[in-house]
Amino acid sequence: MIRKISVGSDYKTAMHYIVGQKVMQDQFIIHNIENAGDGFKVWIENSAKEVMAWKFFNYTMPVSIEYNIEF
């Protein structure tokens, strides 16, 4: 399970998206980040618990992935 995706060639200045993070003026939270086969999809959830696709990054974009590791 992906916990965080960082998009950009320089990690320090990349855009970071984390599951559970509030986005779009705190109206939504990031619900899930998934490997979609041809890239990565970021799904968001509103206050009514409706989940929708928000962003897509294809494999030509430089990304760093952080996985959710539970011990």
Protein backbone atom coordinates (compact mmCIF):
# COMPACT_ATOMS: atom_id res chain seq x y z
CA MET A 1 0.00 0.00 0.00
CA ILE A 2 1.37 3.41 -0.98
CA ARG A 3 1.45 5.97 1.85
CA LYS A 4 3.10 8.90 0.05
CA ILE A 5 4.01 9.94 -3.48
CA SER A 6 6.41 12.78 -4.25
CA VAL A 7 6.25 14.13 -7.79
CA GLY A 8 9.17 16.06 -9.25
CA SER A 9 12.79 15.62 -10.24
CA ASP A 10 14.11 17.19 -7.01
CA TYR A 11 12.71 15.58 -3.87
CA LYS A 12 13.22 18.74 -1.83
CA THR A 13 10.97 20.83 -4.10
CA ALA A 14 8.65 18.04 -5.29
CA MET A 15 4.90 18.03 -4.66
CA HIS A 16 4.13 15.58 -1.86
CA TYR A 17 0.78 13.77 -1.53
CA ILE A 18 0.13 11.73 1.63
CA VAL A 19 -2.86 9.50 2.40
CA GLY A 20 -4.98 11.33 4.99
CA GLN A 21 -3.71 14.78 3.95
CA LYS A 22 -6.29 17.57 3.61
CA VAL A 23 -6.36 19.16 0.14
CA MET A 24 -8.32 21.71 -1.88
CA GLN A 25 -8.97 24.23 0.91
CA ASP A 26 -9.53 21.38 3.41
CA GLN A 27 -12.67 20.26 1.55
CA PHE A 28 -11.24 16.81 0.74
CA ILE A 29 -8.72 14.33 2.09
CA ILE A 30 -6.47 12.02 0.13
CA HIS A 31 -8.21 8.67 0.40
CA ASN A 32 -5.84 6.40 -1.53
CA ILE A 33 -2.81 6.40 -3.82
CA GLU A 34 -2.72 3.47 -6.21
CA ASN A 35 -0.41 2.04 -8.83
CA ALA A 36 -2.76 2.04 -11.82
CA GLY A 37 -0.62 0.01 -14.21
CA ASP A 38 0.26 2.92 -16.51
CA GLY A 39 0.96 5.38 -13.70
CA PHE A 40 -0.28 6.44 -10.28
CA LYS A 41 -3.77 7.66 -9.32
CA VAL A 42 -4.57 9.84 -6.32
CA TRP A 43 -8.12 9.41 -4.98
CA ILE A 44 -9.82 11.96 -2.73
CA GLU A 45 -12.82 11.77 -0.40
CA ASN A 46 -15.30 14.50 0.51
CA SER A 47 -17.25 14.97 3.74
CA ALA A 48 -20.09 12.81 2.37
CA LYS A 49 -17.60 9.90 2.06
CA GLU A 50 -17.74 10.03 -1.76
CA VAL A 51 -14.44 8.92 -3.32
CA MET A 52 -13.30 10.24 -6.70
CA ALA A 53 -10.16 10.26 -8.84
CA TRP A 54 -8.25 13.53 -8.45
CA LYS A 55 -4.81 13.25 -10.03
CA PHE A 56 -2.96 10.93 -12.36
CA PHE A 57 0.80 10.77 -12.84
CA ASN A 58 2.13 8.60 -15.66
CA TYR A 59 5.46 6.82 -15.54
CA THR A 60 7.23 9.59 -17.49
CA MET A 61 6.93 11.82 -14.42
CA PRO A 62 9.74 11.46 -11.89
CA VAL A 63 8.17 10.16 -8.67
CA SER A 64 9.32 8.81 -5.32
CA ILE A 65 7.07 6.31 -3.58
CA GLU A 66 6.86 5.66 0.15
CA TYR A 67 5.04 2.52 1.17
CA ASN A 68 3.03 1.99 4.33
CA ILE A 69 5.05 -0.48 6.38
CA GLU A 70 3.51 -2.04 9.44
CA PHE A 71 5.63 -4.16 11.77
